[in-house]
PDB file of N, CA and C in Angstrom:
ATOM      1  N   MET A   1      17.075  26.932  35.227  1.00  0.00           N
ATOM      2  CA  MET A   1      17.719  25.775  36.084  1.00  0.00           C
ATOM      3  C   MET A   1      17.068  25.220  37.051  1.00  0.00           C
ATOM      4  N   LYS A   2      16.034  26.081  37.913  1.00  0.00           N
ATOM      5  CA  LYS A   2      15.125  25.657  39.059  1.00  0.00           C
ATOM      6  C   LYS A   2      14.044  25.073  38.355  1.00  0.00           C
ATOM      7  N   PHE A   3      13.515  25.220  36.935  1.00  0.00           N
ATOM      8  CA  PHE A   3      12.840  24.426  36.505  1.00  0.00           C
ATOM      9  C   PHE A   3      13.034  23.032  36.401  1.00  0.00           C
ATOM     10  N   ILE A   4      14.366  22.817  35.727  1.00  0.00           N
ATOM     11  CA  ILE A   4      14.760  21.367  35.633  1.00  0.00           C
ATOM     12  C   ILE A   4      14.980  20.708  37.188  1.00  0.00           C
ATOM     13  N   ILE A   5      15.459  21.254  38.234  1.00  0.00           N
ATOM     14  CA  ILE A   5      15.437  20.564  39.205  1.00  0.00           C
ATOM     15  C   ILE A   5      14.207  20.136  39.719  1.00  0.00           C
ATOM     16  N   GLU A   6      13.104  21.066  39.626  1.00  0.00           N
ATOM     17  CA  GLU A   6      11.744  20.623  40.149  1.00  0.00           C
ATOM     18  C   GLU A   6      11.026  19.639  39.139  1.00  0.00           C
ATOM     19  N   PHE A   7      11.633  19.731  37.921  1.00  0.00           N
ATOM     20  CA  PHE A   7      11.001  18.704  37.202  1.00  0.00           C
ATOM     21  C   PHE A   7      11.550  17.216  37.603  1.00  0.00           C
ATOM     22  N   LYS A   8      12.946  17.250  37.696  1.00  0.00           N
ATOM     23  CA  LYS A   8      13.555  16.050  38.123  1.00  0.00           C
ATOM     24  C   LYS A   8      12.930  15.473  39.372  1.00  0.00           C
ATOM     25  N   LYS A   9      12.641  16.366  40.434  1.00  0.00           N
ATOM     26  CA  LYS A   9      11.775  15.979  41.710  1.00  0.00           C
ATOM     27  C   LYS A   9      10.661  15.333  41.141  1.00  0.00           C
ATOM     28  N   ARG A  10       9.832  15.821  40.529  1.00  0.00           N
ATOM     29  CA  ARG A  10       8.232  15.540  40.375  1.00  0.00           C
ATOM     30  C   ARG A  10       8.440  14.157  39.532  1.00  0.00           C
ATOM     31  N   TRP A  11       9.265  13.782  38.494  1.00  0.00           N
ATOM     32  CA  TRP A  11       9.617  12.727  37.699  1.00  0.00           C
ATOM     33  C   TRP A  11       9.549  11.456  38.585  1.00  0.00           C
ATOM     34  N   ASN A  12      10.101  11.615  39.746  1.00  0.00           N
ATOM     35  CA  ASN A  12      10.470  10.309  40.695  1.00  0.00           C
ATOM     36  C   ASN A  12       9.456  10.232  41.523  1.00  0.00           C
ATOM     37  N   LYS A  13       8.428  11.282  41.812  1.00  0.00           N
ATOM     38  CA  LYS A  13       7.338  10.758  43.008  1.00  0.00           C
ATOM     39  C   LYS A  13       6.488  10.116  42.342  1.00  0.00           C
ATOM     40  N   GLU A  14       5.451   9.567  43.365  1.00  0.00           N
ATOM     41  CA  GLU A  14       4.516   8.617  43.096  1.00  0.00           C
ATOM     42  C   GLU A  14       3.373   9.680  42.172  1.00  0.00           C
ATOM     43  N   SER A  15       2.746   9.109  41.122  1.00  0.00           N
ATOM     44  CA  SER A  15       1.505   9.847  40.752  1.00  0.00           C
ATOM     45  C   SER A  15       0.184   9.355  41.098  1.00  0.00           C
ATOM     46  N   PRO A  16      -0.689  10.209  41.116  1.00  0.00           N
ATOM     47  CA  PRO A  16      -2.265   9.698  41.566  1.00  0.00           C
ATOM     48  C   PRO A  16      -2.601   8.494  40.581  1.00  0.00           C
ATOM     49  N   ALA A  17      -3.434   7.730  40.803  1.00  0.00           N
ATOM     50  CA  ALA A  17      -4.213   6.537  40.051  1.00  0.00           C
ATOM     51  C   ALA A  17      -4.517   7.046  38.711  1.00  0.00           C
ATOM     52  N   PHE A  18      -5.091   7.974  38.561  1.00  0.00           N
ATOM     53  CA  PHE A  18      -5.936   8.465  37.465  1.00  0.00           C
ATOM     54  C   PHE A  18      -4.618   8.815  36.338  1.00  0.00           C
ATOM     55  N   PHE A  19      -3.763   9.436  36.617  1.00  0.00           N
ATOM     56  CA  PHE A  19      -2.627   9.911  35.896  1.00  0.00           C
ATOM     57  C   PHE A  19      -1.604   8.539  35.748  1.00  0.00           C
ATOM     58  N   VAL A  20      -1.554   7.726  36.364  1.00  0.00           N
ATOM     59  CA  VAL A  20      -1.111   6.433  36.016  1.00  0.00           C
ATOM     60  C   VAL A  20      -1.765   5.853  34.861  1.00  0.00           C
ATOM     61  N   LYS A  21      -2.908   5.815  34.795  1.00  0.00           N
ATOM     62  CA  LYS A  21      -3.672   5.237  33.552  1.00  0.00           C
ATOM     63  C   LYS A  21      -3.385   6.204  32.417  1.00  0.00           C
ATOM     64  N   VAL A  22      -3.521   7.422  32.586  1.00  0.00           N
ATOM     65  CA  VAL A  22      -3.253   8.387  31.599  1.00  0.00           C
ATOM     66  C   VAL A  22      -1.776   8.307  30.845  1.00  0.00           C
ATOM     67  N   THR A  23      -0.833   7.711  31.853  1.00  0.00           N
ATOM     68  CA  THR A  23       0.232   7.464  31.314  1.00  0.00           C
ATOM     69  C   THR A  23       0.530   6.209  30.473  1.00  0.00           C
ATOM     70  N   ASN A  24      -0.427   5.385  30.799  1.00  0.00           N
ATOM     71  CA  ASN A  24      -0.321   3.992  30.216  1.00  0.00           C
ATOM     72  C   ASN A  24      -0.702   4.397  28.971  1.00  0.00           C
ATOM     73  N   ILE A  25      -1.821   5.067  28.645  1.00  0.00           N
ATOM     74  CA  ILE A  25      -2.477   5.538  27.616  1.00  0.00           C
ATOM     75  C   ILE A  25      -1.483   6.152  26.477  1.00  0.00           C
ATOM     76  N   SER A  26      -0.811   7.244  26.919  1.00  0.00           N
ATOM     77  CA  SER A  26       0.174   7.666  26.511  1.00  0.00           C
ATOM     78  C   SER A  26       1.432   6.914  25.932  1.00  0.00           C
ATOM     79  N   LEU A  27       1.603   5.948  26.580  1.00  0.00           N
ATOM     80  CA  LEU A  27       2.579   4.651  26.144  1.00  0.00           C
ATOM     81  C   LEU A  27       2.240   4.005  25.063  1.00  0.00           C
ATOM     82  N   TRP A  28       0.740   3.523  25.249  1.00  0.00           N
ATOM     83  CA  TRP A  28       0.029   3.004  23.731  1.00  0.00           C
ATOM     84  C   TRP A  28       0.004   3.896  22.860  1.00  0.00           C
ATOM     85  N   LEU A  29       0.026   5.026  22.895  1.00  0.00           N
ATOM     86  CA  LEU A  29      -0.297   5.990  21.745  1.00  0.00           C
ATOM     87  C   LEU A  29       1.099   6.063  20.950  1.00  0.00           C
ATOM     88  N   ILE A  30       2.249   5.980  21.844  1.00  0.00           N
ATOM     89  CA  ILE A  30       3.529   6.077  21.429  1.00  0.00           C
ATOM     90  C   ILE A  30       3.908   4.858  20.952  1.00  0.00           C
ATOM     91  N   GLY A  31       3.586   3.765  21.198  1.00  0.00           N
ATOM     92  CA  GLY A  31       3.937   2.622  20.661  1.00  0.00           C
ATOM     93  C   GLY A  31       2.825   2.097  19.384  1.00  0.00           C
ATOM     94  N   THR A  32       1.751   2.582  19.228  1.00  0.00           N
ATOM     95  CA  THR A  32       1.213   2.505  18.229  1.00  0.00           C
ATOM     96  C   THR A  32       1.488   3.208  16.944  1.00  0.00           C
ATOM     97  N   GLY A  33       1.699   4.310  17.396  1.00  0.00           N
ATOM     98  CA  GLY A  33       2.268   5.466  16.188  1.00  0.00           C
ATOM     99  C   GLY A  33       3.410   5.122  15.646  1.00  0.00           C
ATOM    100  N   THR A  34       4.415   4.537  16.528  1.00  0.00           N
ATOM    101  CA  THR A  34       5.617   3.977  16.123  1.00  0.00           C
ATOM    102  C   THR A  34       5.457   2.710  15.185  1.00  0.00           C
ATOM    103  N   SER A  35       4.680   1.674  15.575  1.00  0.00           N
ATOM    104  CA  SER A  35       4.381   0.818  14.691  1.00  0.00           C
ATOM    105  C   SER A  35       3.695   1.171  13.390  1.00  0.00           C
ATOM    106  N   LEU A  36       2.554   2.020  13.431  1.00  0.00           N
ATOM    107  CA  LEU A  36       2.261   2.537  12.232  1.00  0.00           C
ATOM    108  C   LEU A  36       3.151   3.278  10.974  1.00  0.00           C
ATOM    109  N   SER A  37       4.201   3.790  11.813  1.00  0.00           N
ATOM    110  CA  SER A  37       5.037   4.657  10.860  1.00  0.00           C
ATOM    111  C   SER A  37       5.907   3.554  10.011  1.00  0.00           C
ATOM    112  N   ALA A  38       5.929   2.271  10.529  1.00  0.00           N
ATOM    113  CA  ALA A  38       6.839   0.928   9.937  1.00  0.00           C
ATOM    114  C   ALA A  38       5.831   0.719   8.691  1.00  0.00           C
ATOM    115  N   ILE A  39       4.343   0.771   8.699  1.00  0.00           N
ATOM    116  CA  ILE A  39       3.921   0.306   7.562  1.00  0.00           C
ATOM    117  C   ILE A  39       4.034   0.682   6.366  1.00  0.00           C
ATOM    118  N   PRO A  40       4.367   1.770   5.877  1.00  0.00           N
ATOM    119  CA  PRO A  40       4.430   2.283   4.534  1.00  0.00           C
ATOM    120  C   PRO A  40       5.623   1.505   4.136  1.00  0.00           C
ATOM    121  N   ALA A  41       6.913   1.772   4.939  1.00  0.00           N
ATOM    122  CA  ALA A  41       8.120   1.088   4.638  1.00  0.00           C
ATOM    123  C   ALA A  41       8.083  -0.462   4.094  1.00  0.00           C
ATOM    124  N   LEU A  42       7.255  -1.088   5.038  1.00  0.00           N
ATOM    125  CA  LEU A  42       7.188  -2.483   4.749  1.00  0.00           C
ATOM    126  C   LEU A  42       6.506  -2.752   3.334  1.00  0.00           C
ATOM    127  N   ILE A  43       5.504  -2.063   3.144  1.00  0.00           N
ATOM    128  CA  ILE A  43       4.478  -2.352   1.927  1.00  0.00           C
ATOM    129  C   ILE A  43       5.368  -1.833   0.825  1.00  0.00           C
ATOM    130  N   ASN A  44       6.242  -0.757   0.652  1.00  0.00           N
ATOM    131  CA  ASN A  44       6.896  -0.370  -0.339  1.00  0.00           C
ATOM    132  C   ASN A  44       8.221  -1.425  -0.633  1.00  0.00           C
ATOM    133  N   ALA A  45       8.705  -1.955   0.619  1.00  0.00           N
ATOM    134  CA  ALA A  45       9.573  -2.744   0.391  1.00  0.00           C
ATOM    135  C   ALA A  45       9.065  -4.201  -0.376  1.00  0.00           C
ATOM    136  N   THR A  46       7.868  -4.661  -0.064  1.00  0.00           N
ATOM    137  CA  THR A  46       7.214  -5.739  -0.844  1.00  0.00           C
ATOM    138  C   THR A  46       6.925  -5.316  -2.558  1.00  0.00           C
ATOM    139  N   GLY A  47       7.034  -4.298  -2.798  1.00  0.00           N
ATOM    140  CA  GLY A  47       6.829  -4.031  -4.028  1.00  0.00           C
ATOM    141  C   GLY A  47       5.607  -3.294  -4.574  1.00  0.00           C
ATOM    142  N   ALA A  48       4.746  -3.302  -3.765  1.00  0.00           N
ATOM    143  CA  ALA A  48       3.464  -2.284  -3.761  1.00  0.00           C
ATOM    144  C   ALA A  48       3.331  -0.997  -3.867  1.00  0.00           C
ATOM    145  N   THR A  49       4.052  -0.555  -4.635  1.00  0.00           N
ATOM    146  CA  THR A  49       4.328   1.011  -4.780  1.00  0.00           C
ATOM    147  C   THR A  49       3.281   1.947  -5.122  1.00  0.00           C
ATOM    148  N   ASP A  50       2.107   1.322  -5.604  1.00  0.00           N
ATOM    149  CA  ASP A  50       1.089   2.174  -6.307  1.00  0.00           C
ATOM    150  C   ASP A  50      -0.006   2.547  -5.370  1.00  0.00           C
ATOM    151  N   ILE A  51       0.194   2.100  -3.998  1.00  0.00           N
ATOM    152  CA  ILE A  51      -0.590   2.656  -2.723  1.00  0.00           C
ATOM    153  C   ILE A  51      -0.041   3.628  -2.170  1.00  0.00           C
ATOM    154  N   ASP A  52      -0.712   4.651  -1.685  1.00  0.00           N
ATOM    155  CA  ASP A  52      -0.315   5.891  -1.184  1.00  0.00           C
ATOM    156  C   ASP A  52      -0.495   5.794   0.254  1.00  0.00           C
ATOM    157  N   LEU A  53       0.082   5.664   1.384  1.00  0.00           N
ATOM    158  CA  LEU A  53       0.105   5.452   2.904  1.00  0.00           C
ATOM    159  C   LEU A  53       0.753   6.760   3.586  1.00  0.00           C
ATOM    160  N   SER A  54       0.809   7.762   2.900  1.00  0.00           N
ATOM    161  CA  SER A  54       1.192   8.963   3.289  1.00  0.00           C
ATOM    162  C   SER A  54       0.235   9.109   4.667  1.00  0.00           C
ATOM    163  N   PHE A  55      -0.938   8.859   4.651  1.00  0.00           N
ATOM    164  CA  PHE A  55      -1.654   9.533   5.730  1.00  0.00           C
ATOM    165  C   PHE A  55      -1.169   8.655   7.017  1.00  0.00           C
ATOM    166  N   LEU A  56      -0.756   7.550   7.002  1.00  0.00           N
ATOM    167  CA  LEU A  56      -0.453   6.729   8.041  1.00  0.00           C
ATOM    168  C   LEU A  56       0.975   7.350   8.720  1.00  0.00           C
ATOM    169  N   LEU A  57       1.867   8.001   7.895  1.00  0.00           N
ATOM    170  CA  LEU A  57       2.887   8.491   8.444  1.00  0.00           C
ATOM    171  C   LEU A  57       2.519   9.659   9.121  1.00  0.00           C
ATOM    172  N   LYS A  58       1.401  10.602   8.478  1.00  0.00           N
ATOM    173  CA  LYS A  58       1.019  11.700   9.075  1.00  0.00           C
ATOM    174  C   LYS A  58       0.465  11.588  10.513  1.00  0.00           C
ATOM    175  N   LEU A  59      -0.501  10.361  10.351  1.00  0.00           N
ATOM    176  CA  LEU A  59      -1.141   9.844  11.827  1.00  0.00           C
ATOM    177  C   LEU A  59      -0.397   9.576  12.938  1.00  0.00           C
ATOM    178  N   SER A  60       0.571   8.503  12.113  1.00  0.00           N
ATOM    179  CA  SER A  60       1.432   8.125  13.228  1.00  0.00           C
ATOM    180  C   SER A  60       2.517   9.125  14.106  1.00  0.00           C
ATOM    181  N   SER A  61       2.685  10.301  13.281  1.00  0.00           N
ATOM    182  CA  SER A  61       3.483  11.477  13.937  1.00  0.00           C
ATOM    183  C   SER A  61       2.777  12.117  14.852  1.00  0.00           C
ATOM    184  N   TYR A  62       1.451  12.141  14.621  1.00  0.00           N
ATOM    185  CA  TYR A  62       0.442  12.943  15.742  1.00  0.00           C
ATOM    186  C   TYR A  62       0.342  12.144  16.668  1.00  0.00           C
ATOM    187  N   MET A  63       0.361  10.779  16.775  1.00  0.00           N
ATOM    188  CA  MET A  63      -0.070   9.906  17.870  1.00  0.00           C
ATOM    189  C   MET A  63       1.163   9.825  18.612  1.00  0.00           C
ATOM    190  N   ILE A  64       2.485   9.915  18.029  1.00  0.00           N
ATOM    191  CA  ILE A  64       3.684  10.050  18.699  1.00  0.00           C
ATOM    192  C   ILE A  64       3.760  11.049  19.684  1.00  0.00           C
ATOM    193  N   VAL A  65       3.594  12.486  18.671  1.00  0.00           N
ATOM    194  CA  VAL A  65       3.596  13.886  19.463  1.00  0.00           C
ATOM    195  C   VAL A  65       2.580  13.847  20.732  1.00  0.00           C
ATOM    196  N   ALA A  66       1.259  13.370  20.414  1.00  0.00           N
ATOM    197  CA  ALA A  66       0.300  13.504  21.391  1.00  0.00           C
ATOM    198  C   ALA A  66       0.630  12.742  22.615  1.00  0.00           C
ATOM    199  N   GLY A  67       1.308  11.460  22.244  1.00  0.00           N
ATOM    200  CA  GLY A  67       1.618  10.504  23.522  1.00  0.00           C
ATOM    201  C   GLY A  67       2.681  10.897  24.285  1.00  0.00           C
ATOM    202  N   THR A  68       3.629  11.585  23.645  1.00  0.00           N
ATOM    203  CA  THR A  68       4.743  12.274  24.182  1.00  0.00           C
ATOM    204  C   THR A  68       4.136  13.228  25.184  1.00  0.00           C
ATOM    205  N   SER A  69       3.353  14.181  24.770  1.00  0.00           N
ATOM    206  CA  SER A  69       3.030  15.326  25.336  1.00  0.00           C
ATOM    207  C   SER A  69       2.411  15.230  26.552  1.00  0.00           C
ATOM    208  N   ILE A  70       1.415  13.981  26.351  1.00  0.00           N
ATOM    209  CA  ILE A  70       0.294  13.736  27.274  1.00  0.00           C
ATOM    210  C   ILE A  70       1.196  13.083  28.490  1.00  0.00           C
ATOM    211  N   GLY A  71       2.224  12.228  27.987  1.00  0.00           N
ATOM    212  CA  GLY A  71       2.887  11.470  28.877  1.00  0.00           C
ATOM    213  C   GLY A  71       3.696  12.406  29.880  1.00  0.00           C
ATOM    214  N   ILE A  72       4.151  13.261  29.229  1.00  0.00           N
ATOM    215  CA  ILE A  72       5.242  14.165  30.093  1.00  0.00           C
ATOM    216  C   ILE A  72       4.346  15.010  31.069  1.00  0.00           C
ATOM    217  N   VAL A  73       3.148  15.564  30.611  1.00  0.00           N
ATOM    218  CA  VAL A  73       2.366  15.967  31.797  1.00  0.00           C
ATOM    219  C   VAL A  73       1.791  15.189  32.787  1.00  0.00           C
ATOM    220  N   ALA A  74       1.494  13.971  32.274  1.00  0.00           N
ATOM    221  CA  ALA A  74       0.774  13.027  33.449  1.00  0.00           C
ATOM    222  C   ALA A  74       1.789  12.521  34.331  1.00  0.00           C
ATOM    223  N   LYS A  75       3.282  12.390  33.844  1.00  0.00           N
ATOM    224  CA  LYS A  75       4.101  12.020  34.723  1.00  0.00           C
ATOM    225  C   LYS A  75       4.671  12.841  35.675  1.00  0.00           C
ATOM    226  N   THR A  76       4.499  14.289  35.488  1.00  0.00           N
ATOM    227  CA  THR A  76       4.896  15.435  36.457  1.00  0.00           C
ATOM    228  C   THR A  76       3.756  15.632  37.417  1.00  0.00           C
ATOM    229  N   THR A  77       2.803  15.105  37.686  1.00  0.00           N
ATOM    230  CA  THR A  77       2.046  15.062  38.546  1.00  0.00           C
ATOM    231  C   THR A  77       2.167  14.285  39.684  1.00  0.00           C
ATOM    232  N   VAL A  78       2.052  14.763  40.862  1.00  0.00           N
ATOM    233  CA  VAL A  78       2.673  14.092  42.174  1.00  0.00           C
ATOM    234  C   VAL A  78       1.052  13.855  43.088  1.00  0.00           C
ATOM    235  N   LYS A  79       1.351  12.804  44.029  1.00  0.00           N
ATOM    236  CA  LYS A  79       0.099  12.707  44.680  1.00  0.00           C
ATOM    237  C   LYS A  79       0.031  13.532  45.727  1.00  0.00           C
ATOM    238  N   ASP A  80       1.189  13.855  46.473  1.00  0.00           N
ATOM    239  CA  ASP A  80       1.087  14.761  47.711  1.00  0.00           C
ATOM    240  C   ASP A  80       2.187  15.629  47.442  1.00  0.00           C
ATOM    241  N   ILE A  81       1.873  17.042  47.313  1.00  0.00           N
ATOM    242  CA  ILE A  81       2.478  18.119  46.810  1.00  0.00           C
ATOM    243  C   ILE A  81       3.789  18.588  47.896  1.00  0.00           C
ATOM    244  N   ASN A  82       3.292  18.004  49.144  1.00  0.00           N
ATOM    245  CA  ASN A  82       3.965  18.319  50.277  1.00  0.00           C
ATOM    246  C   ASN A  82       5.384  17.286  50.393  1.00  0.00           C
ATOM    247  N   GLN A  83       5.291  16.483  49.393  1.00  0.00           N
ATOM    248  CA  GLN A  83       6.480  15.502  49.095  1.00  0.00           C
ATOM    249  C   GLN A  83       7.460  16.244  48.344  1.00  0.00           C
ATOM    250  N   ILE A  84       7.238  17.059  47.694  1.00  0.00           N
ATOM    251  CA  ILE A  84       8.387  17.679  46.679  1.00  0.00           C
ATOM    252  C   ILE A  84       9.449  18.370  47.536  1.00  0.00           C
TER     253      ILE A  84
END
């Protein structure tokens, strides 16, 4: 329970400039991964079923997981530890 309280406090505090950039990169990874995951469904909907795009689903899932993990770690850093 103490971990959750600490996490909530850190989430709302100001992050250092470097970690703000890292958070933006993680948001880009999540957005790009989500967009890539829609491509195989769109291509199959048009009737081109002979193309195997399973690698895009695997790549997009890795991008989403990496972006989420990086974002959570970057968002929990605080500029001044004495603010907590």
